[in-house]
Amino acid sequence: MFKLKKIVPALVVTASLLLSSQSAFAVSGLADTRSEALNVYPNTDYTWTLDTAADEDWFYWTNSTSSTQYLSGSLLSPAGKNYNLQLVLVTAGGWEYVLNTNDNGPGQHDGFNSTLQPGDKIYFTIRPSGFDYDKSNPYKFNFKVS
């Protein structure tokens, strides 16, 4: 029964990504840890909320191509709120690198540019800065691959 409770929300989110427009809305308790990270698709906008000051949302993408991929993306915090975007690059060889984006302040875009070698995986984590969150207003996250 416990597995079913975890699988059903994941299926609902996956179905909404495939069947609706390029936007996803937060599901409480989904993608809250690295081990529960949600596989995201390039060139897609994700619109989610953080539930508490301790909430964080985790996403990932794997370079399953045979060539270097160039990534770019951004996090737009809700108006008047300051969220942080952090990247964790895991190489095909198992090395991990933490990359912090520039923090441009409340309600602003925090962006990144990076490369991903074949077999590398990148995690994106979004969390409030201190106690600065708004459960009612979503953030917007996107990334592109070229």
C-alpha atoms as a PDB file:
ATOM      1  CA  MET A   1       0.000   0.000   0.000  1.00  0.00           C
ATOM      2  CA  PHE A   2       2.881   2.379   0.816  1.00  0.00           C
ATOM      3  CA  LYS A   3       4.362   1.932  -2.678  1.00  0.00           C
ATOM      4  CA  LEU A   4       0.966   2.613  -4.223  1.00  0.00           C
ATOM      5  CA  LYS A   5       0.743   5.935  -2.354  1.00  0.00           C
ATOM      6  CA  LYS A   6       4.079   6.964  -3.875  1.00  0.00           C
ATOM      7  CA  ILE A   7       3.393   5.629  -7.370  1.00  0.00           C
ATOM      8  CA  VAL A   8      -0.047   7.195  -7.884  1.00  0.00           C
ATOM      9  CA  PRO A   9       1.110  10.856  -7.459  1.00  0.00           C
ATOM     10  CA  ALA A  10       4.076  10.195  -9.751  1.00  0.00           C
ATOM     11  CA  LEU A  11       1.780   8.761 -12.417  1.00  0.00           C
ATOM     12  CA  VAL A  12      -0.594  11.710 -12.090  1.00  0.00           C
ATOM     13  CA  VAL A  13       2.241  14.205 -12.591  1.00  0.00           C
ATOM     14  CA  THR A  14       3.689  12.225 -15.490  1.00  0.00           C
ATOM     15  CA  ALA A  15       0.289  12.004 -17.185  1.00  0.00           C
ATOM     16  CA  SER A  16      -0.294  15.731 -16.717  1.00  0.00           C
ATOM     17  CA  LEU A  17       3.083  16.458 -18.317  1.00  0.00           C
ATOM     18  CA  LEU A  18       2.301  14.303 -21.318  1.00  0.00           C
ATOM     19  CA  LEU A  19      -1.341  15.226 -21.793  1.00  0.00           C
ATOM     20  CA  SER A  20      -1.478  18.919 -20.956  1.00  0.00           C
ATOM     21  CA  SER A  21       0.370  22.088 -21.792  1.00  0.00           C
ATOM     22  CA  GLN A  22       4.004  22.576 -20.891  1.00  0.00           C
ATOM     23  CA  SER A  23       3.397  23.357 -17.263  1.00  0.00           C
ATOM     24  CA  ALA A  24       3.244  21.349 -14.053  1.00  0.00           C
ATOM     25  CA  PHE A  25       1.803  22.306 -10.688  1.00  0.00           C
ATOM     26  CA  ALA A  26       3.066  21.270  -7.284  1.00  0.00           C
ATOM     27  CA  VAL A  27       1.970  18.105  -5.631  1.00  0.00           C
ATOM     28  CA  SER A  28       2.686  18.150  -1.910  1.00  0.00           C
ATOM     29  CA  GLY A  29       5.247  15.528  -0.926  1.00  0.00           C
ATOM     30  CA  LEU A  30       6.519  14.928  -4.474  1.00  0.00           C
ATOM     31  CA  ALA A  31      10.184  15.447  -5.448  1.00  0.00           C
ATOM     32  CA  ASP A  32      11.102  16.668  -1.961  1.00  0.00           C
ATOM     33  CA  THR A  33      14.441  14.803  -1.783  1.00  0.00           C
ATOM     34  CA  ARG A  34      17.218  13.899  -4.173  1.00  0.00           C
ATOM     35  CA  SER A  35      16.188  10.238  -4.122  1.00  0.00           C
ATOM     36  CA  GLU A  36      12.657  11.305  -5.162  1.00  0.00           C
ATOM     37  CA  ALA A  37      13.805  13.799  -7.814  1.00  0.00           C
ATOM     38  CA  LEU A  38      11.488  14.238 -10.775  1.00  0.00           C
ATOM     39  CA  ASN A  39      12.928  13.622 -14.247  1.00  0.00           C
ATOM     40  CA  VAL A  40      12.344  16.855 -16.171  1.00  0.00           C
ATOM     41  CA  TYR A  41      12.169  17.483 -19.882  1.00  0.00           C
ATOM     42  CA  PRO A  42      14.125  20.216 -21.657  1.00  0.00           C
ATOM     43  CA  ASN A  43      12.238  23.226 -22.991  1.00  0.00           C
ATOM     44  CA  THR A  44       9.463  22.753 -20.461  1.00  0.00           C
ATOM     45  CA  ASP A  45       8.269  25.267 -17.866  1.00  0.00           C
ATOM     46  CA  TYR A  46       7.621  23.933 -14.374  1.00  0.00           C
ATOM     47  CA  THR A  47       5.373  26.018 -12.139  1.00  0.00           C
ATOM     48  CA  TRP A  48       5.400  24.766  -8.542  1.00  0.00           C
ATOM     49  CA  THR A  49       5.046  26.066  -5.011  1.00  0.00           C
ATOM     50  CA  LEU A  50       7.071  25.411  -1.900  1.00  0.00           C
ATOM     51  CA  ASP A  51       4.886  24.235   0.988  1.00  0.00           C
ATOM     52  CA  THR A  52       7.045  25.295   3.935  1.00  0.00           C
ATOM     53  CA  ALA A  53      10.296  27.063   4.760  1.00  0.00           C
ATOM     54  CA  ALA A  54      11.921  23.596   4.941  1.00  0.00           C
ATOM     55  CA  ASP A  55      10.517  22.379   1.605  1.00  0.00           C
ATOM     56  CA  GLU A  56      12.796  21.807  -1.357  1.00  0.00           C
ATOM     57  CA  ASP A  57      11.994  20.525  -4.814  1.00  0.00           C
ATOM     58  CA  TRP A  58      14.375  18.249  -6.704  1.00  0.00           C
ATOM     59  CA  PHE A  59      14.518  17.633 -10.447  1.00  0.00           C
ATOM     60  CA  TYR A  60      17.062  15.858 -12.648  1.00  0.00           C
ATOM     61  CA  TRP A  61      18.037  15.265 -16.252  1.00  0.00           C
ATOM     62  CA  THR A  62      20.494  12.748 -17.736  1.00  0.00           C
ATOM     63  CA  ASN A  63      22.502  13.257 -20.897  1.00  0.00           C
ATOM     64  CA  SER A  64      21.694   9.988 -22.640  1.00  0.00           C
ATOM     65  CA  THR A  65      23.080  11.216 -25.972  1.00  0.00           C
ATOM     66  CA  SER A  66      26.546  10.471 -27.337  1.00  0.00           C
ATOM     67  CA  SER A  67      27.594  14.150 -27.424  1.00  0.00           C
ATOM     68  CA  THR A  68      28.179  17.069 -25.075  1.00  0.00           C
ATOM     69  CA  GLN A  69      24.962  18.954 -24.325  1.00  0.00           C
ATOM     70  CA  TYR A  70      24.780  22.646 -23.458  1.00  0.00           C
ATOM     71  CA  LEU A  71      22.291  23.549 -20.737  1.00  0.00           C
ATOM     72  CA  SER A  72      20.787  26.847 -19.742  1.00  0.00           C
ATOM     73  CA  GLY A  73      17.912  27.653 -17.477  1.00  0.00           C
ATOM     74  CA  SER A  74      16.419  29.851 -14.847  1.00  0.00           C
ATOM     75  CA  LEU A  75      14.402  30.040 -11.685  1.00  0.00           C
ATOM     76  CA  LEU A  76      11.943  32.896 -11.257  1.00  0.00           C
ATOM     77  CA  SER A  77      11.049  33.366  -7.590  1.00  0.00           C
ATOM     78  CA  PRO A  78       7.566  34.595  -6.671  1.00  0.00           C
ATOM     79  CA  ALA A  79       7.215  38.375  -6.365  1.00  0.00           C
ATOM     80  CA  GLY A  80       8.844  39.587  -3.166  1.00  0.00           C
ATOM     81  CA  LYS A  81      10.304  36.156  -2.311  1.00  0.00           C
ATOM     82  CA  ASN A  82      13.833  34.850  -2.707  1.00  0.00           C
ATOM     83  CA  TYR A  83      14.378  31.213  -3.686  1.00  0.00           C
ATOM     84  CA  ASN A  84      17.724  29.585  -4.380  1.00  0.00           C
ATOM     85  CA  LEU A  85      18.631  27.284  -7.269  1.00  0.00           C
ATOM     86  CA  GLN A  86      21.490  24.842  -6.829  1.00  0.00           C
ATOM     87  CA  LEU A  87      22.836  22.301  -9.342  1.00  0.00           C
ATOM     88  CA  VAL A  88      24.493  18.996  -8.508  1.00  0.00           C
ATOM     89  CA  LEU A  89      26.435  17.526 -11.425  1.00  0.00           C
ATOM     90  CA  VAL A  90      27.093  13.778 -11.195  1.00  0.00           C
ATOM     91  CA  THR A  91      29.576  12.617 -13.820  1.00  0.00           C
ATOM     92  CA  ALA A  92      29.391   9.257 -15.553  1.00  0.00           C
ATOM     93  CA  GLY A  93      32.478   8.333 -13.498  1.00  0.00           C
ATOM     94  CA  GLY A  94      30.689   9.074 -10.208  1.00  0.00           C
ATOM     95  CA  TRP A  95      32.236  12.445  -9.315  1.00  0.00           C
ATOM     96  CA  GLU A  96      29.878  15.060  -7.865  1.00  0.00           C
ATOM     97  CA  TYR A  97      30.117  18.826  -8.170  1.00  0.00           C
ATOM     98  CA  VAL A  98      27.813  21.355  -6.493  1.00  0.00           C
ATOM     99  CA  LEU A  99      27.172  24.475  -8.547  1.00  0.00           C
ATOM    100  CA  ASN A 100      25.429  27.495  -7.038  1.00  0.00           C
ATOM    101  CA  THR A 101      23.684  29.992  -9.278  1.00  0.00           C
ATOM    102  CA  ASN A 102      23.935  33.737  -8.761  1.00  0.00           C
ATOM    103  CA  ASP A 103      21.293  34.946  -6.324  1.00  0.00           C
ATOM    104  CA  ASN A 104      19.629  37.995  -7.862  1.00  0.00           C
ATOM    105  CA  GLY A 105      17.228  38.636  -4.999  1.00  0.00           C
ATOM    106  CA  PRO A 106      13.475  38.497  -4.365  1.00  0.00           C
ATOM    107  CA  GLY A 107      11.235  38.034  -7.384  1.00  0.00           C
ATOM    108  CA  GLN A 108      14.180  37.855  -9.778  1.00  0.00           C
ATOM    109  CA  HIS A 109      15.579  35.288 -12.227  1.00  0.00           C
ATOM    110  CA  ASP A 110      18.511  33.157 -11.074  1.00  0.00           C
ATOM    111  CA  GLY A 111      20.040  31.553 -14.154  1.00  0.00           C
ATOM    112  CA  PHE A 112      22.709  29.074 -15.170  1.00  0.00           C
ATOM    113  CA  ASN A 113      24.697  27.818 -18.149  1.00  0.00           C
ATOM    114  CA  SER A 114      26.519  24.513 -18.067  1.00  0.00           C
ATOM    115  CA  THR A 115      27.630  21.567 -20.166  1.00  0.00           C
ATOM    116  CA  LEU A 116      26.846  17.907 -19.641  1.00  0.00           C
ATOM    117  CA  GLN A 117      28.991  15.128 -21.041  1.00  0.00           C
ATOM    118  CA  PRO A 118      27.461  11.851 -22.261  1.00  0.00           C
ATOM    119  CA  GLY A 119      26.257   9.782 -19.294  1.00  0.00           C
ATOM    120  CA  ASP A 120      26.343  12.725 -16.853  1.00  0.00           C
ATOM    121  CA  LYS A 121      23.312  13.540 -14.712  1.00  0.00           C
ATOM    122  CA  ILE A 122      22.387  16.931 -13.318  1.00  0.00           C
ATOM    123  CA  TYR A 123      20.124  17.600 -10.356  1.00  0.00           C
ATOM    124  CA  PHE A 124      18.353  20.903  -9.794  1.00  0.00           C
ATOM    125  CA  THR A 125      17.174  21.793  -6.303  1.00  0.00           C
ATOM    126  CA  ILE A 126      14.991  24.753  -5.413  1.00  0.00           C
ATOM    127  CA  ARG A 127      14.602  25.947  -1.847  1.00  0.00           C
ATOM    128  CA  PRO A 128      13.621  29.118  -0.053  1.00  0.00           C
ATOM    129  CA  SER A 129      16.259  31.497   1.198  1.00  0.00           C
ATOM    130  CA  GLY A 130      15.814  31.236   4.965  1.00  0.00           C
ATOM    131  CA  PHE A 131      12.119  31.479   5.836  1.00  0.00           C
ATOM    132  CA  ASP A 132      11.308  33.399   2.650  1.00  0.00           C
ATOM    133  CA  TYR A 133       8.602  31.339   0.923  1.00  0.00           C
ATOM    134  CA  ASP A 134       5.025  31.756  -0.246  1.00  0.00           C
ATOM    135  CA  LYS A 135       2.808  28.685  -0.418  1.00  0.00           C
ATOM    136  CA  SER A 136       0.215  30.603  -2.455  1.00  0.00           C
ATOM    137  CA  ASN A 137       2.477  31.885  -5.235  1.00  0.00           C
ATOM    138  CA  PRO A 138       4.448  29.534  -7.463  1.00  0.00           C
ATOM    139  CA  TYR A 139       7.970  29.780  -8.746  1.00  0.00           C
ATOM    140  CA  LYS A 140       8.816  29.070 -12.380  1.00  0.00           C
ATOM    141  CA  PHE A 141      11.683  26.818 -13.370  1.00  0.00           C
ATOM    142  CA  ASN A 142      12.863  25.893 -16.845  1.00  0.00           C
ATOM    143  CA  PHE A 143      15.915  24.626 -18.626  1.00  0.00           C
ATOM    144  CA  LYS A 144      16.946  24.200 -22.215  1.00  0.00           C
ATOM    145  CA  VAL A 145      19.323  21.816 -23.949  1.00  0.00           C
ATOM    146  CA  SER A 146      21.106  22.672 -27.174  1.00  0.00           C
END
